[in-house]
Each structure stands twice: as structure tokens, then as C-alpha cells.
């Protein structure tokens, strides 16, 4: 079976079974082409909640499927590839965060959406990479414990200097591995290009950026900019997708190492097998976990509005 044959079969099956396929922007182009919705992780959970279908297949990683379930507890949520995790989301345990809360008892716990549902149960408010600055500015507390990404936390602290923001040593291993030398080399090789950086990168790299923002924000910047050349300092698939979408512009990857193996684990066959009931893993959470983990998400939505 060819890729196009498999895509056609998937499209027929999801329509027949009334199943919605959600694909994060870091997925491969063939998967994005068969998805009902594509985008950043939290936005996918929001559109899933608004969608009429009662079953969702998530092409992404485990915490993303959990977030879909948190916003749509009545729906069946299936992660297409059972082994697709996220080192950042899973690097801290509940006990780790409880210890931190004992060390910083007067700090509001702000959890990046890239955390497990278990850790969200311990947070006061959740944030996305696009809302972190706005949410931290808006919360009443001037003392914040930011988990788990120290680089996004450092970026937020720089943008909100009036508050004390404590970070912990953790983050995305793909973004955090980008070095200042690599960023400087890319700018030297492409002097006319805008450097677009995800704030999960280390502070010295983010400081060089012409624009820093979430994956969706980076893509929107490239779409709306008058510039014709861009260095994409996030997962390499974004440069590929932008090349397809905007063929009149040039996109350069910053490093061949910027590949998320967990995001790339999902294949079209995983989606097909999930559709026919032979693959994927159903996301299960207790009512107590759903209720507790939803508190920080609801707080984020209240503040964001």
C-alpha cells in the first residue's frame, strides 16, 4: 500500500466511524494531511472539546492526549503511538514537586502545559508557551514557582522582572541542546534571515531572536512577515511545513539535531491501526485526577480571557 492509498483509507475510516484525528505541528506532513485539526498542543485540546465527534485520536505525545481528556472527559481519547512520551513532561514526579512546594510555600505554582496530569493536580495555574508571560503578569502573587521548563521560566522572568520567578532545572532536551555557537553560525550563514526561536531554548539563544514565541506564533510570524528568509529555531518539521505552505519564502533549519524522536514515533500505520481498533492506547484517568488537574487549566482560561 502506498502512502496516498493509506491516507485515502484513513480518511474513509475516520469519516465512517466519526473519529476526529488531532495532529501536533511537529508531526510529519503525511499525518498532518489526514488530520482534522493541526496545531499546538493546548489548542488541539480546545478544538477537540468543540468537535462533535465522541472519539479522538491524538498524533502527538502522552501529555497532549491527557490534556484532550481533561477538557473532554466524556470522550474516548486514544494516543496513536503508545510509546510517545515527553521527557520534559515526565522528568519530575509528584514527590519532586511536593518537595519544592515545601521549600517555596509562599509561591504560586505555575505549570507549563507540557506536564503530566498528575503534576497539574499540584499547580495553581497552567500556562502555554504563548500565554506564560501574560498569565504570570496577571496572577496576584509576586512569588512564582515555575515548572518544569527552566528556559521558558527564564524567558518569562525576563519579561516579568517585577516578580520573583523561581525555576527548576528541567526542560525540553531538543530545544535546550541548541547552542549559542550554532545560533551565531546560522545568523552568519544567512545574514538576511530572521531568527525565529522557541522560548524553550536557552536564554542566550533566545536573546538573539528576531522573534520568540510558540510554534504557532513562529508560523504566524513567518506568514505575516515581509521578510523572505527565516532561520527556524525549533523542531525541524516546522521549517519543512512552512516551505510547503510558503514556497516564495526560504526557511533554514538551525541544526540537523532538532528532531523530536517522540513526535516522530507516530506513523500513518499507527493512525490506521488506532482507527480499526488494533493499536493506540486509550487515555484513562480517575475522576479525582480529572477534577484536580482541571483546576489549573480553568484558572489559565479565566485569566487569559
C-alpha atoms as a PDB file:
ATOM      1  CA  UNK A   1       0.000   0.000   0.000  1.00  0.00           C
ATOM      2  CA  UNK A   2       1.365   3.433  -0.929  1.00  0.00           C
ATOM      3  CA  UNK A   3       1.281   6.490   1.328  1.00  0.00           C
ATOM      4  CA  UNK A   4      -1.559   8.001  -0.702  1.00  0.00           C
ATOM      5  CA  UNK A   5      -3.503   4.702  -0.583  1.00  0.00           C
ATOM      6  CA  UNK A   6      -3.153   4.591   3.189  1.00  0.00           C
ATOM      7  CA  UNK A   7      -4.132   8.238   3.549  1.00  0.00           C
ATOM      8  CA  UNK A   8      -7.260   7.619   1.474  1.00  0.00           C
ATOM      9  CA  UNK A   9      -8.207   4.624   3.623  1.00  0.00           C
ATOM     10  CA  UNK A  10      -7.689   6.646   6.824  1.00  0.00           C
ATOM     11  CA  UNK A  11      -9.874   9.465   5.516  1.00  0.00           C
ATOM     12  CA  UNK A  12     -12.634   6.972   4.699  1.00  0.00           C
ATOM     13  CA  UNK A  13     -12.405   5.240   8.074  1.00  0.00           C
ATOM     14  CA  UNK A  14     -12.445   8.355  10.230  1.00  0.00           C
ATOM     15  CA  UNK A  15     -15.487   9.673   8.329  1.00  0.00           C
ATOM     16  CA  UNK A  16     -17.279   6.324   8.578  1.00  0.00           C
ATOM     17  CA  UNK A  17     -16.534   5.905  12.298  1.00  0.00           C
ATOM     18  CA  UNK A  18     -16.945   9.617  13.131  1.00  0.00           C
ATOM     19  CA  UNK A  19     -13.487   9.830  14.702  1.00  0.00           C
ATOM     20  CA  UNK A  20     -11.502  13.060  14.895  1.00  0.00           C
ATOM     21  CA  UNK A  21      -7.748  12.976  14.289  1.00  0.00           C
ATOM     22  CA  UNK A  22      -5.651  15.625  16.059  1.00  0.00           C
ATOM     23  CA  UNK A  23      -2.060  16.180  14.933  1.00  0.00           C
ATOM     24  CA  UNK A  24       0.559  18.372  16.568  1.00  0.00           C
ATOM     25  CA  UNK A  25       2.533  20.604  14.210  1.00  0.00           C
ATOM     26  CA  UNK A  26       5.695  18.548  14.812  1.00  0.00           C
ATOM     27  CA  UNK A  27       4.142  15.525  13.117  1.00  0.00           C
ATOM     28  CA  UNK A  28       5.168  14.538   9.594  1.00  0.00           C
ATOM     29  CA  UNK A  29       3.468  16.080   6.573  1.00  0.00           C
ATOM     30  CA  UNK A  30       1.608  12.851   5.618  1.00  0.00           C
ATOM     31  CA  UNK A  31      -0.015  12.794   9.067  1.00  0.00           C
ATOM     32  CA  UNK A  32      -0.896  16.491   9.017  1.00  0.00           C
ATOM     33  CA  UNK A  33      -2.628  15.926   5.683  1.00  0.00           C
ATOM     34  CA  UNK A  34      -5.084  13.389   7.139  1.00  0.00           C
ATOM     35  CA  UNK A  35      -5.763  15.225  10.409  1.00  0.00           C
ATOM     36  CA  UNK A  36      -8.995  17.059  11.143  1.00  0.00           C
ATOM     37  CA  UNK A  37      -7.064  19.637  13.150  1.00  0.00           C
ATOM     38  CA  UNK A  38      -3.401  20.570  13.433  1.00  0.00           C
ATOM     39  CA  UNK A  39      -1.593  22.987  15.721  1.00  0.00           C
ATOM     40  CA  UNK A  40      -0.069  23.460  19.175  1.00  0.00           C
ATOM     41  CA  UNK A  41      -0.921  21.016  21.933  1.00  0.00           C
ATOM     42  CA  UNK A  42      -3.344  23.068  24.011  1.00  0.00           C
ATOM     43  CA  UNK A  43      -5.184  24.448  21.003  1.00  0.00           C
ATOM     44  CA  UNK A  44      -5.780  20.891  19.820  1.00  0.00           C
ATOM     45  CA  UNK A  45      -7.439  20.059  23.144  1.00  0.00           C
ATOM     46  CA  UNK A  46      -9.660  23.115  22.804  1.00  0.00           C
ATOM     47  CA  UNK A  47     -10.848  22.307  19.285  1.00  0.00           C
ATOM     48  CA  UNK A  48     -11.402  18.689  20.324  1.00  0.00           C
ATOM     49  CA  UNK A  49     -13.729  19.912  23.071  1.00  0.00           C
ATOM     50  CA  UNK A  50     -15.735  21.845  20.482  1.00  0.00           C
ATOM     51  CA  UNK A  51     -15.817  18.976  17.969  1.00  0.00           C
ATOM     52  CA  UNK A  52     -18.991  16.894  17.660  1.00  0.00           C
ATOM     53  CA  UNK A  53     -17.279  13.503  17.403  1.00  0.00           C
ATOM     54  CA  UNK A  54     -17.059  11.414  20.577  1.00  0.00           C
ATOM     55  CA  UNK A  55     -13.707   9.785  19.810  1.00  0.00           C
ATOM     56  CA  UNK A  56     -10.358  11.484  19.213  1.00  0.00           C
ATOM     57  CA  UNK A  57      -7.068  10.016  18.038  1.00  0.00           C
ATOM     58  CA  UNK A  58      -4.093  12.106  19.118  1.00  0.00           C
ATOM     59  CA  UNK A  59      -0.972  12.183  16.965  1.00  0.00           C
ATOM     60  CA  UNK A  60       1.456  13.646  19.447  1.00  0.00           C
ATOM     61  CA  UNK A  61       2.696  12.640  22.902  1.00  0.00           C
ATOM     62  CA  UNK A  62       1.102  11.354  26.073  1.00  0.00           C
ATOM     63  CA  UNK A  63       0.623  14.607  27.988  1.00  0.00           C
ATOM     64  CA  UNK A  64      -1.182  16.085  24.963  1.00  0.00           C
ATOM     65  CA  UNK A  65      -3.648  13.204  24.915  1.00  0.00           C
ATOM     66  CA  UNK A  66      -4.125  13.674  28.659  1.00  0.00           C
ATOM     67  CA  UNK A  67      -4.952  17.350  28.136  1.00  0.00           C
ATOM     68  CA  UNK A  68      -7.520  16.435  25.479  1.00  0.00           C
ATOM     69  CA  UNK A  69      -9.096  14.086  28.021  1.00  0.00           C
ATOM     70  CA  UNK A  70      -9.055  16.769  30.731  1.00  0.00           C
ATOM     71  CA  UNK A  71     -11.009  19.159  28.518  1.00  0.00           C
ATOM     72  CA  UNK A  72     -13.290  16.405  27.153  1.00  0.00           C
ATOM     73  CA  UNK A  73     -13.653  13.808  29.941  1.00  0.00           C
ATOM     74  CA  UNK A  74     -16.756  12.350  28.307  1.00  0.00           C
ATOM     75  CA  UNK A  75     -14.877  11.487  25.106  1.00  0.00           C
ATOM     76  CA  UNK A  76     -12.790   8.465  24.222  1.00  0.00           C
ATOM     77  CA  UNK A  77      -9.237   9.696  23.681  1.00  0.00           C
ATOM     78  CA  UNK A  78      -6.662   7.455  22.026  1.00  0.00           C
ATOM     79  CA  UNK A  79      -2.942   8.182  21.697  1.00  0.00           C
ATOM     80  CA  UNK A  80      -1.931   6.832  18.274  1.00  0.00           C
ATOM     81  CA  UNK A  81       1.532   5.650  19.362  1.00  0.00           C
ATOM     82  CA  UNK A  82       1.505   4.163  22.889  1.00  0.00           C
ATOM     83  CA  UNK A  83       5.198   4.869  23.467  1.00  0.00           C
ATOM     84  CA  UNK A  84       5.182   8.540  22.507  1.00  0.00           C
ATOM     85  CA  UNK A  85       6.107  10.350  25.699  1.00  0.00           C
ATOM     86  CA  UNK A  86       7.725  13.681  26.507  1.00  0.00           C
ATOM     87  CA  UNK A  87      10.964  13.850  28.543  1.00  0.00           C
ATOM     88  CA  UNK A  88      10.097  17.347  29.745  1.00  0.00           C
ATOM     89  CA  UNK A  89       6.589  16.442  30.905  1.00  0.00           C
ATOM     90  CA  UNK A  90       7.761  13.289  32.630  1.00  0.00           C
ATOM     91  CA  UNK A  91      11.030  14.386  34.244  1.00  0.00           C
ATOM     92  CA  UNK A  92       9.534  15.284  37.626  1.00  0.00           C
ATOM     93  CA  UNK A  93       7.482  13.127  39.961  1.00  0.00           C
ATOM     94  CA  UNK A  94       4.688  14.233  42.257  1.00  0.00           C
ATOM     95  CA  UNK A  95       7.064  13.874  45.220  1.00  0.00           C
ATOM     96  CA  UNK A  96       9.628  16.112  43.469  1.00  0.00           C
ATOM     97  CA  UNK A  97       7.081  18.916  43.188  1.00  0.00           C
ATOM     98  CA  UNK A  98       5.763  18.387  46.705  1.00  0.00           C
ATOM     99  CA  UNK A  99       9.303  18.852  47.994  1.00  0.00           C
ATOM    100  CA  UNK A 100       9.641  22.079  46.001  1.00  0.00           C
ATOM    101  CA  UNK A 101       6.333  23.329  47.380  1.00  0.00           C
ATOM    102  CA  UNK A 102       7.648  22.754  50.878  1.00  0.00           C
ATOM    103  CA  UNK A 103      10.778  24.756  50.059  1.00  0.00           C
ATOM    104  CA  UNK A 104       8.718  27.576  48.483  1.00  0.00           C
ATOM    105  CA  UNK A 105       5.461  27.527  50.495  1.00  0.00           C
ATOM    106  CA  UNK A 106       4.503  31.093  49.629  1.00  0.00           C
ATOM    107  CA  UNK A 107       4.956  30.729  45.864  1.00  0.00           C
ATOM    108  CA  UNK A 108       2.172  30.270  43.341  1.00  0.00           C
ATOM    109  CA  UNK A 109       2.884  27.107  41.335  1.00  0.00           C
ATOM    110  CA  UNK A 110       2.728  27.803  37.606  1.00  0.00           C
ATOM    111  CA  UNK A 111       2.813  24.659  35.467  1.00  0.00           C
ATOM    112  CA  UNK A 112       3.693  24.665  31.793  1.00  0.00           C
ATOM    113  CA  UNK A 113       1.044  22.715  29.874  1.00  0.00           C
ATOM    114  CA  UNK A 114       3.859  20.293  28.944  1.00  0.00           C
ATOM    115  CA  UNK A 115       3.409  18.386  32.202  1.00  0.00           C
ATOM    116  CA  UNK A 116       1.613  15.210  33.173  1.00  0.00           C
ATOM    117  CA  UNK A 117      -1.920  15.353  34.523  1.00  0.00           C
ATOM    118  CA  UNK A 118      -0.554  14.220  37.898  1.00  0.00           C
ATOM    119  CA  UNK A 119       1.697  17.275  38.140  1.00  0.00           C
ATOM    120  CA  UNK A 120      -1.133  19.556  37.047  1.00  0.00           C
ATOM    121  CA  UNK A 121      -3.043  18.450  40.150  1.00  0.00           C
ATOM    122  CA  UNK A 122      -0.368  20.249  42.215  1.00  0.00           C
ATOM    123  CA  UNK A 123      -0.390  23.501  40.238  1.00  0.00           C
ATOM    124  CA  UNK A 124      -2.293  26.705  40.907  1.00  0.00           C
ATOM    125  CA  UNK A 125      -2.400  27.798  37.279  1.00  0.00           C
ATOM    126  CA  UNK A 126      -1.331  26.384  33.928  1.00  0.00           C
ATOM    127  CA  UNK A 127       0.351  28.242  31.044  1.00  0.00           C
ATOM    128  CA  UNK A 128       1.250  27.654  27.418  1.00  0.00           C
ATOM    129  CA  UNK A 129       4.385  28.998  25.766  1.00  0.00           C
ATOM    130  CA  UNK A 130       2.275  31.751  24.220  1.00  0.00           C
ATOM    131  CA  UNK A 131       0.430  32.699  27.426  1.00  0.00           C
ATOM    132  CA  UNK A 132       3.141  32.299  30.091  1.00  0.00           C
ATOM    133  CA  UNK A 133       4.101  35.970  30.204  1.00  0.00           C
ATOM    134  CA  UNK A 134       0.504  37.213  30.235  1.00  0.00           C
ATOM    135  CA  UNK A 135      -0.590  34.755  32.927  1.00  0.00           C
ATOM    136  CA  UNK A 136       2.397  35.424  35.197  1.00  0.00           C
ATOM    137  CA  UNK A 137       1.812  39.166  34.868  1.00  0.00           C
ATOM    138  CA  UNK A 138      -1.855  38.776  35.750  1.00  0.00           C
ATOM    139  CA  UNK A 139      -1.787  36.473  38.769  1.00  0.00           C
ATOM    140  CA  UNK A 140      -1.921  38.339  42.095  1.00  0.00           C
ATOM    141  CA  UNK A 141       1.122  36.639  43.607  1.00  0.00           C
ATOM    142  CA  UNK A 142       4.549  38.237  43.177  1.00  0.00           C
ATOM    143  CA  UNK A 143       6.280  34.935  44.015  1.00  0.00           C
ATOM    144  CA  UNK A 144       6.089  32.160  41.419  1.00  0.00           C
ATOM    145  CA  UNK A 145       7.439  28.623  41.242  1.00  0.00           C
ATOM    146  CA  UNK A 146       7.604  27.799  37.525  1.00  0.00           C
ATOM    147  CA  UNK A 147       7.675  24.127  36.469  1.00  0.00           C
ATOM    148  CA  UNK A 148       9.084  22.248  34.627  1.00  0.00           C
ATOM    149  CA  UNK A 149      10.913  24.204  31.885  1.00  0.00           C
ATOM    150  CA  UNK A 150      13.665  26.432  33.266  1.00  0.00           C
ATOM    151  CA  UNK A 151      14.224  28.102  29.888  1.00  0.00           C
ATOM    152  CA  UNK A 152      10.607  29.115  29.345  1.00  0.00           C
ATOM    153  CA  UNK A 153      10.634  30.131  33.009  1.00  0.00           C
ATOM    154  CA  UNK A 154      13.755  32.259  32.482  1.00  0.00           C
ATOM    155  CA  UNK A 155      12.208  33.897  29.414  1.00  0.00           C
ATOM    156  CA  UNK A 156       9.067  34.669  31.403  1.00  0.00           C
ATOM    157  CA  UNK A 157      11.129  36.040  34.306  1.00  0.00           C
ATOM    158  CA  UNK A 158      12.954  38.365  31.914  1.00  0.00           C
ATOM    159  CA  UNK A 159       9.646  39.646  30.541  1.00  0.00           C
ATOM    160  CA  UNK A 160       8.100  39.993  34.019  1.00  0.00           C
ATOM    161  CA  UNK A 161      11.006  41.416  36.071  1.00  0.00           C
ATOM    162  CA  UNK A 162       8.757  42.800  38.789  1.00  0.00           C
ATOM    163  CA  UNK A 163       8.056  39.279  40.061  1.00  0.00           C
ATOM    164  CA  UNK A 164      10.247  36.657  41.701  1.00  0.00           C
ATOM    165  CA  UNK A 165      10.100  33.618  39.446  1.00  0.00           C
ATOM    166  CA  UNK A 166      11.870  30.500  40.696  1.00  0.00           C
ATOM    167  CA  UNK A 167      12.675  27.851  38.109  1.00  0.00           C
ATOM    168  CA  UNK A 168      13.879  24.270  38.410  1.00  0.00           C
ATOM    169  CA  UNK A 169      16.464  22.568  36.233  1.00  0.00           C
ATOM    170  CA  UNK A 170      14.366  20.897  33.595  1.00  0.00           C
ATOM    171  CA  UNK A 171      13.088  21.410  30.098  1.00  0.00           C
ATOM    172  CA  UNK A 172      12.871  20.173  26.532  1.00  0.00           C
ATOM    173  CA  UNK A 173      16.053  18.241  25.657  1.00  0.00           C
ATOM    174  CA  UNK A 174      15.678  19.062  21.963  1.00  0.00           C
ATOM    175  CA  UNK A 175      15.362  22.838  22.367  1.00  0.00           C
ATOM    176  CA  UNK A 176      17.785  23.037  25.306  1.00  0.00           C
ATOM    177  CA  UNK A 177      20.513  21.328  23.263  1.00  0.00           C
ATOM    178  CA  UNK A 178      20.739  24.243  20.816  1.00  0.00           C
ATOM    179  CA  UNK A 179      23.956  26.127  21.488  1.00  0.00           C
ATOM    180  CA  UNK A 180      24.760  29.809  21.163  1.00  0.00           C
ATOM    181  CA  UNK A 181      27.527  28.922  18.691  1.00  0.00           C
ATOM    182  CA  UNK A 182      25.003  27.166  16.450  1.00  0.00           C
ATOM    183  CA  UNK A 183      22.693  30.157  16.500  1.00  0.00           C
ATOM    184  CA  UNK A 184      25.540  32.580  15.728  1.00  0.00           C
ATOM    185  CA  UNK A 185      26.750  30.337  12.902  1.00  0.00           C
ATOM    186  CA  UNK A 186      23.263  30.214  11.367  1.00  0.00           C
ATOM    187  CA  UNK A 187      22.958  34.001  11.510  1.00  0.00           C
ATOM    188  CA  UNK A 188      26.382  34.355   9.856  1.00  0.00           C
ATOM    189  CA  UNK A 189      25.449  31.919   7.077  1.00  0.00           C
ATOM    190  CA  UNK A 190      22.096  33.637   6.470  1.00  0.00           C
ATOM    191  CA  UNK A 191      22.643  37.303   7.385  1.00  0.00           C
ATOM    192  CA  UNK A 192      19.385  38.452   5.817  1.00  0.00           C
ATOM    193  CA  UNK A 193      17.220  35.887   7.573  1.00  0.00           C
ATOM    194  CA  UNK A 194      15.045  36.469  10.628  1.00  0.00           C
ATOM    195  CA  UNK A 195      15.860  34.163  13.544  1.00  0.00           C
ATOM    196  CA  UNK A 196      12.630  32.703  14.960  1.00  0.00           C
ATOM    197  CA  UNK A 197      13.141  30.989  18.307  1.00  0.00           C
ATOM    198  CA  UNK A 198      11.021  28.919  20.684  1.00  0.00           C
ATOM    199  CA  UNK A 199      11.423  30.140  24.295  1.00  0.00           C
ATOM    200  CA  UNK A 200      12.240  26.591  25.409  1.00  0.00           C
ATOM    201  CA  UNK A 201      15.730  27.387  24.065  1.00  0.00           C
ATOM    202  CA  UNK A 202      18.451  28.535  26.442  1.00  0.00           C
ATOM    203  CA  UNK A 203      18.387  32.284  27.295  1.00  0.00           C
ATOM    204  CA  UNK A 204      21.499  33.190  25.263  1.00  0.00           C
ATOM    205  CA  UNK A 205      19.881  31.745  22.114  1.00  0.00           C
ATOM    206  CA  UNK A 206      16.504  33.350  22.779  1.00  0.00           C
ATOM    207  CA  UNK A 207      18.242  36.693  23.302  1.00  0.00           C
ATOM    208  CA  UNK A 208      19.451  36.591  19.671  1.00  0.00           C
ATOM    209  CA  UNK A 209      15.968  36.101  18.281  1.00  0.00           C
ATOM    210  CA  UNK A 210      14.192  38.483  15.971  1.00  0.00           C
ATOM    211  CA  UNK A 211      11.075  36.815  17.332  1.00  0.00           C
ATOM    212  CA  UNK A 212      10.499  34.363  20.196  1.00  0.00           C
ATOM    213  CA  UNK A 213       7.226  32.519  20.598  1.00  0.00           C
ATOM    214  CA  UNK A 214       5.253  29.305  20.469  1.00  0.00           C
ATOM    215  CA  UNK A 215       5.255  27.030  17.448  1.00  0.00           C
ATOM    216  CA  UNK A 216       2.000  28.541  16.195  1.00  0.00           C
ATOM    217  CA  UNK A 217       3.312  32.064  16.806  1.00  0.00           C
ATOM    218  CA  UNK A 218       6.506  31.297  14.879  1.00  0.00           C
ATOM    219  CA  UNK A 219       4.481  30.030  11.930  1.00  0.00           C
ATOM    220  CA  UNK A 220       2.179  33.047  12.012  1.00  0.00           C
ATOM    221  CA  UNK A 221       5.162  35.404  12.163  1.00  0.00           C
ATOM    222  CA  UNK A 222       6.624  33.795   9.025  1.00  0.00           C
ATOM    223  CA  UNK A 223       3.274  34.004   7.235  1.00  0.00           C
ATOM    224  CA  UNK A 224       2.719  37.661   8.040  1.00  0.00           C
ATOM    225  CA  UNK A 225       6.263  38.971   7.770  1.00  0.00           C
ATOM    226  CA  UNK A 226       7.503  40.925   4.756  1.00  0.00           C
ATOM    227  CA  UNK A 227      10.847  39.154   5.141  1.00  0.00           C
ATOM    228  CA  UNK A 228      11.672  36.370   2.719  1.00  0.00           C
ATOM    229  CA  UNK A 229      14.214  34.364   4.725  1.00  0.00           C
ATOM    230  CA  UNK A 230      13.892  32.714   8.135  1.00  0.00           C
ATOM    231  CA  UNK A 231      16.016  30.549  10.406  1.00  0.00           C
ATOM    232  CA  UNK A 232      13.659  28.258  12.303  1.00  0.00           C
ATOM    233  CA  UNK A 233      14.939  27.542  15.795  1.00  0.00           C
ATOM    234  CA  UNK A 234      12.510  24.831  16.821  1.00  0.00           C
ATOM    235  CA  UNK A 235      11.729  21.263  15.686  1.00  0.00           C
ATOM    236  CA  UNK A 236      12.859  20.879  12.076  1.00  0.00           C
ATOM    237  CA  UNK A 237       9.446  19.796  10.810  1.00  0.00           C
ATOM    238  CA  UNK A 238       8.243  23.399  11.170  1.00  0.00           C
ATOM    239  CA  UNK A 239      10.718  24.596   8.539  1.00  0.00           C
ATOM    240  CA  UNK A 240       9.516  21.797   6.245  1.00  0.00           C
ATOM    241  CA  UNK A 241       5.836  22.624   6.716  1.00  0.00           C
ATOM    242  CA  UNK A 242       6.458  26.331   6.135  1.00  0.00           C
ATOM    243  CA  UNK A 243       8.348  25.556   2.919  1.00  0.00           C
ATOM    244  CA  UNK A 244       5.290  23.716   1.590  1.00  0.00           C
ATOM    245  CA  UNK A 245       2.928  26.476   2.676  1.00  0.00           C
ATOM    246  CA  UNK A 246       5.051  29.476   1.643  1.00  0.00           C
ATOM    247  CA  UNK A 247       7.116  28.436  -1.403  1.00  0.00           C
ATOM    248  CA  UNK A 248       8.004  32.043  -2.172  1.00  0.00           C
ATOM    249  CA  UNK A 249       9.966  32.266   1.096  1.00  0.00           C
ATOM    250  CA  UNK A 250      13.115  30.453   2.256  1.00  0.00           C
ATOM    251  CA  UNK A 251      13.345  28.563   5.539  1.00  0.00           C
ATOM    252  CA  UNK A 252      16.553  27.269   7.073  1.00  0.00           C
ATOM    253  CA  UNK A 253      16.854  24.739   9.881  1.00  0.00           C
ATOM    254  CA  UNK A 254      19.232  25.762  12.638  1.00  0.00           C
ATOM    255  CA  UNK A 255      20.592  22.277  13.246  1.00  0.00           C
ATOM    256  CA  UNK A 256      20.014  18.786  11.879  1.00  0.00           C
ATOM    257  CA  UNK A 257      19.768  17.657  15.533  1.00  0.00           C
ATOM    258  CA  UNK A 258      16.457  19.451  16.102  1.00  0.00           C
ATOM    259  CA  UNK A 259      14.296  16.358  15.775  1.00  0.00           C
ATOM    260  CA  UNK A 260      11.911  15.170  18.482  1.00  0.00           C
ATOM    261  CA  UNK A 261      12.044  11.353  18.428  1.00  0.00           C
ATOM    262  CA  UNK A 262       8.809  11.052  20.402  1.00  0.00           C
ATOM    263  CA  UNK A 263       6.884  13.254  17.963  1.00  0.00           C
ATOM    264  CA  UNK A 264       8.365  11.349  15.051  1.00  0.00           C
ATOM    265  CA  UNK A 265       7.387   7.985  16.543  1.00  0.00           C
ATOM    266  CA  UNK A 266       3.821   8.213  15.215  1.00  0.00           C
ATOM    267  CA  UNK A 267       3.286   6.828  11.722  1.00  0.00           C
ATOM    268  CA  UNK A 268       0.346   6.647   9.348  1.00  0.00           C
ATOM    269  CA  UNK A 269       0.054   2.949  10.193  1.00  0.00           C
ATOM    270  CA  UNK A 270      -0.315   3.890  13.858  1.00  0.00           C
ATOM    271  CA  UNK A 271      -3.252   6.098  12.945  1.00  0.00           C
ATOM    272  CA  UNK A 272      -4.755   3.357  10.751  1.00  0.00           C
ATOM    273  CA  UNK A 273      -4.361   0.722  13.463  1.00  0.00           C
ATOM    274  CA  UNK A 274      -5.943   3.029  16.045  1.00  0.00           C
ATOM    275  CA  UNK A 275      -8.891   3.569  13.705  1.00  0.00           C
ATOM    276  CA  UNK A 276      -9.509  -0.162  13.271  1.00  0.00           C
ATOM    277  CA  UNK A 277      -9.056  -0.903  16.971  1.00  0.00           C
ATOM    278  CA  UNK A 278      -5.728  -2.730  16.666  1.00  0.00           C
ATOM    279  CA  UNK A 279      -3.424  -0.063  18.023  1.00  0.00           C
ATOM    280  CA  UNK A 280      -3.039   3.044  20.124  1.00  0.00           C
ATOM    281  CA  UNK A 281      -3.669   3.388  23.831  1.00  0.00           C
ATOM    282  CA  UNK A 282      -6.849   4.671  25.480  1.00  0.00           C
ATOM    283  CA  UNK A 283      -6.263   7.511  27.942  1.00  0.00           C
ATOM    284  CA  UNK A 284      -7.739   6.654  31.329  1.00  0.00           C
ATOM    285  CA  UNK A 285      -7.807   8.952  34.365  1.00  0.00           C
ATOM    286  CA  UNK A 286      -9.729   8.881  37.617  1.00  0.00           C
ATOM    287  CA  UNK A 287     -12.471  11.415  38.217  1.00  0.00           C
ATOM    288  CA  UNK A 288     -10.417  12.874  41.064  1.00  0.00           C
ATOM    289  CA  UNK A 289      -7.390  13.411  38.804  1.00  0.00           C
ATOM    290  CA  UNK A 290      -9.517  15.000  36.099  1.00  0.00           C
ATOM    291  CA  UNK A 291     -11.166  17.305  38.612  1.00  0.00           C
ATOM    292  CA  UNK A 292      -7.915  18.304  40.344  1.00  0.00           C
ATOM    293  CA  UNK A 293      -5.831  18.694  37.170  1.00  0.00           C
ATOM    294  CA  UNK A 294      -8.538  20.787  35.520  1.00  0.00           C
ATOM    295  CA  UNK A 295      -8.332  23.467  38.205  1.00  0.00           C
ATOM    296  CA  UNK A 296      -5.073  24.973  36.916  1.00  0.00           C
ATOM    297  CA  UNK A 297      -6.305  24.812  33.307  1.00  0.00           C
ATOM    298  CA  UNK A 298      -9.570  26.543  34.151  1.00  0.00           C
ATOM    299  CA  UNK A 299      -7.642  29.193  36.059  1.00  0.00           C
ATOM    300  CA  UNK A 300      -5.471  29.801  32.991  1.00  0.00           C
ATOM    301  CA  UNK A 301      -8.553  30.205  30.809  1.00  0.00           C
ATOM    302  CA  UNK A 302     -10.156  32.611  33.302  1.00  0.00           C
ATOM    303  CA  UNK A 303      -7.054  34.795  33.471  1.00  0.00           C
ATOM    304  CA  UNK A 304      -6.447  34.577  29.724  1.00  0.00           C
ATOM    305  CA  UNK A 305      -9.942  35.806  28.951  1.00  0.00           C
END
